[in-house]
Amino acid sequence: MLLYLILLIALCIVATHLNNKIKNLPPNPFPALPIVGHLYLIFKNKPLHRTLSQLSSKHGPILLLNLGTRRVLLLSSPSAVEECFTKSDVVFANRPRILLGEHLGYNSTSLVWSPYGSHWRNLRKLLSHDILSNTSLQTLSCYIRKDE
């Protein structure tokens, strides 16, 4: 029974590794365990920044980590960061959808939880022009000063 379990885990690891190669994803440290992913590489006795620095020096400036069930892109060179945030910024602009945003954020429609798109841009424009404008902040500040 134990042999079957070990073979099943090994098969899952190899299948995940081959699947990532087919999808043309950035390199990742091998192996990623089925449920925890690469969390076993991060929780060591060293500080997090040193562990991530070691991983990037070993595997390259662009690295894909599976932290639990989430995929995290680790960038460690200025050119890779510039390419992601200037040339491909729309691809990386979205937030991950989590269950908390569904329940607390009115089905992910509030500014904090909504995905990037026209609705998020309208909410941001409303916040910056109407709620956080100079005139509205000055009117709020006079009420705050009276309470002090």
C-alpha atoms as a PDB file:
ATOM      1  CA  MET A   1       0.000   0.000   0.000  1.00  0.00           C
ATOM      2  CA  LEU A   2       2.823   2.374   0.871  1.00  0.00           C
ATOM      3  CA  LEU A   3       4.514   1.559  -2.424  1.00  0.00           C
ATOM      4  CA  TYR A   4       1.371   2.542  -4.340  1.00  0.00           C
ATOM      5  CA  LEU A   5       1.175   5.831  -2.461  1.00  0.00           C
ATOM      6  CA  ILE A   6       4.816   6.637  -3.222  1.00  0.00           C
ATOM      7  CA  LEU A   7       4.319   5.763  -6.886  1.00  0.00           C
ATOM      8  CA  LEU A   8       1.194   7.945  -7.059  1.00  0.00           C
ATOM      9  CA  ILE A   9       2.995  10.948  -5.564  1.00  0.00           C
ATOM     10  CA  ALA A  10       5.959  10.447  -7.902  1.00  0.00           C
ATOM     11  CA  LEU A  11       3.609  10.195 -10.883  1.00  0.00           C
ATOM     12  CA  CYS A  12       1.848  13.427  -9.860  1.00  0.00           C
ATOM     13  CA  ILE A  13       5.165  15.241  -9.538  1.00  0.00           C
ATOM     14  CA  VAL A  14       6.431  14.065 -12.928  1.00  0.00           C
ATOM     15  CA  ALA A  15       3.088  14.820 -14.628  1.00  0.00           C
ATOM     16  CA  THR A  16       3.045  18.348 -13.196  1.00  0.00           C
ATOM     17  CA  HIS A  17       6.618  18.933 -14.314  1.00  0.00           C
ATOM     18  CA  LEU A  18       5.900  17.718 -17.851  1.00  0.00           C
ATOM     19  CA  ASN A  19       2.683  19.731 -18.007  1.00  0.00           C
ATOM     20  CA  ASN A  20       4.589  22.923 -17.125  1.00  0.00           C
ATOM     21  CA  LYS A  21       7.119  22.216 -19.883  1.00  0.00           C
ATOM     22  CA  ILE A  22       4.326  21.882 -22.447  1.00  0.00           C
ATOM     23  CA  LYS A  23       2.626  25.157 -21.377  1.00  0.00           C
ATOM     24  CA  ASN A  24       5.830  27.175 -21.995  1.00  0.00           C
ATOM     25  CA  LEU A  25       5.959  28.445 -18.427  1.00  0.00           C
ATOM     26  CA  PRO A  26       9.081  29.852 -16.772  1.00  0.00           C
ATOM     27  CA  PRO A  27      11.370  27.325 -15.089  1.00  0.00           C
ATOM     28  CA  ASN A  28      10.576  26.163 -11.608  1.00  0.00           C
ATOM     29  CA  PRO A  29      12.526  24.193  -9.033  1.00  0.00           C
ATOM     30  CA  PHE A  30      11.892  20.493  -9.330  1.00  0.00           C
ATOM     31  CA  PRO A  31       9.956  18.890  -7.623  1.00  0.00           C
ATOM     32  CA  ALA A  32       6.773  20.712  -6.666  1.00  0.00           C
ATOM     33  CA  LEU A  33       4.878  18.595  -4.178  1.00  0.00           C
ATOM     34  CA  PRO A  34       1.178  17.992  -5.002  1.00  0.00           C
ATOM     35  CA  ILE A  35      -0.503  20.072  -2.281  1.00  0.00           C
ATOM     36  CA  VAL A  36       2.182  22.292  -0.765  1.00  0.00           C
ATOM     37  CA  GLY A  37       4.055  23.041  -3.991  1.00  0.00           C
ATOM     38  CA  HIS A  38       7.372  24.748  -3.289  1.00  0.00           C
ATOM     39  CA  LEU A  39       6.553  25.856   0.262  1.00  0.00           C
ATOM     40  CA  TYR A  40       9.047  23.335   1.595  1.00  0.00           C
ATOM     41  CA  LEU A  41      11.819  25.324  -0.131  1.00  0.00           C
ATOM     42  CA  ILE A  42      10.803  28.608   1.474  1.00  0.00           C
ATOM     43  CA  PHE A  43      10.260  27.623   5.100  1.00  0.00           C
ATOM     44  CA  LYS A  44      13.834  27.002   6.125  1.00  0.00           C
ATOM     45  CA  ASN A  45      15.966  28.455   8.911  1.00  0.00           C
ATOM     46  CA  LYS A  46      17.162  31.299   6.679  1.00  0.00           C
ATOM     47  CA  PRO A  47      15.430  34.634   6.047  1.00  0.00           C
ATOM     48  CA  LEU A  48      13.003  34.669   3.136  1.00  0.00           C
ATOM     49  CA  HIS A  49      15.004  37.100   0.982  1.00  0.00           C
ATOM     50  CA  ARG A  50      18.102  34.903   1.181  1.00  0.00           C
ATOM     51  CA  THR A  51      16.156  31.781   0.271  1.00  0.00           C
ATOM     52  CA  LEU A  52      14.577  33.517  -2.727  1.00  0.00           C
ATOM     53  CA  SER A  53      17.966  34.906  -3.749  1.00  0.00           C
ATOM     54  CA  GLN A  54      19.457  31.409  -3.682  1.00  0.00           C
ATOM     55  CA  LEU A  55      16.592  30.058  -5.777  1.00  0.00           C
ATOM     56  CA  SER A  56      16.949  32.805  -8.372  1.00  0.00           C
ATOM     57  CA  SER A  57      20.727  32.423  -8.584  1.00  0.00           C
ATOM     58  CA  LYS A  58      20.316  28.685  -9.109  1.00  0.00           C
ATOM     59  CA  HIS A  59      17.387  28.730 -11.565  1.00  0.00           C
ATOM     60  CA  GLY A  60      17.648  32.115 -13.299  1.00  0.00           C
ATOM     61  CA  PRO A  61      16.142  35.615 -13.044  1.00  0.00           C
ATOM     62  CA  ILE A  62      12.583  34.487 -13.879  1.00  0.00           C
ATOM     63  CA  LEU A  63      11.184  31.679 -11.770  1.00  0.00           C
ATOM     64  CA  LEU A  64       7.721  30.207 -11.267  1.00  0.00           C
ATOM     65  CA  LEU A  65       6.928  28.966  -7.770  1.00  0.00           C
ATOM     66  CA  ASN A  66       3.865  27.045  -6.641  1.00  0.00           C
ATOM     67  CA  LEU A  67       3.073  28.288  -3.145  1.00  0.00           C
ATOM     68  CA  GLY A  68       0.321  25.936  -2.143  1.00  0.00           C
ATOM     69  CA  THR A  69      -2.203  26.140  -4.946  1.00  0.00           C
ATOM     70  CA  ARG A  70      -1.146  29.636  -6.100  1.00  0.00           C
ATOM     71  CA  ARG A  71       1.439  30.265  -8.769  1.00  0.00           C
ATOM     72  CA  VAL A  72       3.880  33.065  -8.000  1.00  0.00           C
ATOM     73  CA  LEU A  73       6.256  34.621 -10.513  1.00  0.00           C
ATOM     74  CA  LEU A  74       9.602  35.518  -8.948  1.00  0.00           C
ATOM     75  CA  LEU A  75      11.555  38.209 -10.816  1.00  0.00           C
ATOM     76  CA  SER A  76      15.078  38.992  -9.696  1.00  0.00           C
ATOM     77  CA  SER A  77      16.555  41.105 -12.478  1.00  0.00           C
ATOM     78  CA  PRO A  78      15.707  44.734 -13.276  1.00  0.00           C
ATOM     79  CA  SER A  79      15.199  43.984 -16.968  1.00  0.00           C
ATOM     80  CA  ALA A  80      12.646  41.253 -16.202  1.00  0.00           C
ATOM     81  CA  VAL A  81      10.773  43.538 -13.809  1.00  0.00           C
ATOM     82  CA  GLU A  82      10.749  46.339 -16.380  1.00  0.00           C
ATOM     83  CA  GLU A  83       9.415  44.014 -19.066  1.00  0.00           C
ATOM     84  CA  CYS A  84       6.619  42.742 -16.823  1.00  0.00           C
ATOM     85  CA  PHE A  85       5.517  46.136 -15.518  1.00  0.00           C
ATOM     86  CA  THR A  86       5.849  48.214 -18.683  1.00  0.00           C
ATOM     87  CA  LYS A  87       5.394  45.968 -21.704  1.00  0.00           C
ATOM     88  CA  SER A  88       3.118  43.287 -20.229  1.00  0.00           C
ATOM     89  CA  ASP A  89       1.457  45.298 -17.476  1.00  0.00           C
ATOM     90  CA  VAL A  90      -2.129  44.410 -18.438  1.00  0.00           C
ATOM     91  CA  VAL A  91      -1.372  40.703 -18.163  1.00  0.00           C
ATOM     92  CA  PHE A  92      -0.117  41.097 -14.582  1.00  0.00           C
ATOM     93  CA  ALA A  93      -2.626  43.760 -13.487  1.00  0.00           C
ATOM     94  CA  ASN A  94      -5.277  41.387 -12.202  1.00  0.00           C
ATOM     95  CA  ARG A  95      -5.670  40.218  -8.640  1.00  0.00           C
ATOM     96  CA  PRO A  96      -6.210  36.603  -7.680  1.00  0.00           C
ATOM     97  CA  ARG A  97      -9.832  35.774  -6.936  1.00  0.00           C
ATOM     98  CA  ILE A  98     -10.263  34.589  -3.375  1.00  0.00           C
ATOM     99  CA  LEU A  99     -13.311  33.474  -1.440  1.00  0.00           C
ATOM    100  CA  LEU A 100     -13.068  36.379   0.998  1.00  0.00           C
ATOM    101  CA  GLY A 101     -13.567  38.855  -1.853  1.00  0.00           C
ATOM    102  CA  GLU A 102     -16.701  37.039  -2.946  1.00  0.00           C
ATOM    103  CA  HIS A 103     -18.313  37.342   0.498  1.00  0.00           C
ATOM    104  CA  LEU A 104     -16.966  40.627   1.882  1.00  0.00           C
ATOM    105  CA  GLY A 105     -16.566  42.461  -1.409  1.00  0.00           C
ATOM    106  CA  TYR A 106     -20.114  42.007  -2.725  1.00  0.00           C
ATOM    107  CA  ASN A 107     -19.173  39.339  -5.245  1.00  0.00           C
ATOM    108  CA  SER A 108     -15.809  41.030  -5.934  1.00  0.00           C
ATOM    109  CA  THR A 109     -17.357  44.307  -7.101  1.00  0.00           C
ATOM    110  CA  SER A 110     -15.755  46.679  -4.582  1.00  0.00           C
ATOM    111  CA  LEU A 111     -12.559  48.538  -5.437  1.00  0.00           C
ATOM    112  CA  VAL A 112     -10.340  46.358  -3.272  1.00  0.00           C
ATOM    113  CA  TRP A 113     -11.566  43.017  -4.619  1.00  0.00           C
ATOM    114  CA  SER A 114     -12.642  43.737  -8.199  1.00  0.00           C
ATOM    115  CA  PRO A 115     -10.536  42.414 -11.070  1.00  0.00           C
ATOM    116  CA  TYR A 116      -8.785  44.804 -13.418  1.00  0.00           C
ATOM    117  CA  GLY A 117     -11.110  46.064 -16.122  1.00  0.00           C
ATOM    118  CA  SER A 118     -13.555  48.836 -16.942  1.00  0.00           C
ATOM    119  CA  HIS A 119     -15.460  48.463 -13.650  1.00  0.00           C
ATOM    120  CA  TRP A 120     -12.238  48.773 -11.612  1.00  0.00           C
ATOM    121  CA  ARG A 121     -11.135  51.815 -13.634  1.00  0.00           C
ATOM    122  CA  ASN A 122     -14.509  53.515 -13.051  1.00  0.00           C
ATOM    123  CA  LEU A 123     -14.320  52.830  -9.313  1.00  0.00           C
ATOM    124  CA  ARG A 124     -10.772  54.166  -9.161  1.00  0.00           C
ATOM    125  CA  LYS A 125     -11.757  57.294 -11.086  1.00  0.00           C
ATOM    126  CA  LEU A 126     -14.695  57.866  -8.730  1.00  0.00           C
ATOM    127  CA  LEU A 127     -12.452  57.449  -5.700  1.00  0.00           C
ATOM    128  CA  SER A 128      -9.699  59.755  -6.934  1.00  0.00           C
ATOM    129  CA  HIS A 129     -11.908  62.513  -8.375  1.00  0.00           C
ATOM    130  CA  ASP A 130     -14.829  62.629  -5.961  1.00  0.00           C
ATOM    131  CA  ILE A 131     -13.872  61.088  -2.648  1.00  0.00           C
ATOM    132  CA  LEU A 132     -10.151  61.881  -2.401  1.00  0.00           C
ATOM    133  CA  SER A 133     -10.147  65.239  -4.198  1.00  0.00           C
ATOM    134  CA  ASN A 134      -8.658  68.305  -2.492  1.00  0.00           C
ATOM    135  CA  THR A 135     -12.016  69.942  -1.844  1.00  0.00           C
ATOM    136  CA  SER A 136     -13.599  66.885  -0.258  1.00  0.00           C
ATOM    137  CA  LEU A 137     -10.522  66.244   1.880  1.00  0.00           C
ATOM    138  CA  GLN A 138     -10.495  69.875   3.042  1.00  0.00           C
ATOM    139  CA  THR A 139     -14.156  69.694   4.035  1.00  0.00           C
ATOM    140  CA  LEU A 140     -13.493  66.485   5.937  1.00  0.00           C
ATOM    141  CA  SER A 141     -10.414  67.928   7.627  1.00  0.00           C
ATOM    142  CA  CYS A 142     -12.373  70.831   9.120  1.00  0.00           C
ATOM    143  CA  TYR A 143     -14.738  68.326  10.775  1.00  0.00           C
ATOM    144  CA  ILE A 144     -11.811  66.335  12.067  1.00  0.00           C
ATOM    145  CA  ARG A 145     -10.166  69.442  13.520  1.00  0.00           C
ATOM    146  CA  LYS A 146     -13.384  70.412  15.315  1.00  0.00           C
ATOM    147  CA  ASP A 147     -13.569  67.013  16.985  1.00  0.00           C
ATOM    148  CA  GLU A 148     -10.014  67.308  18.311  1.00  0.00           C
END
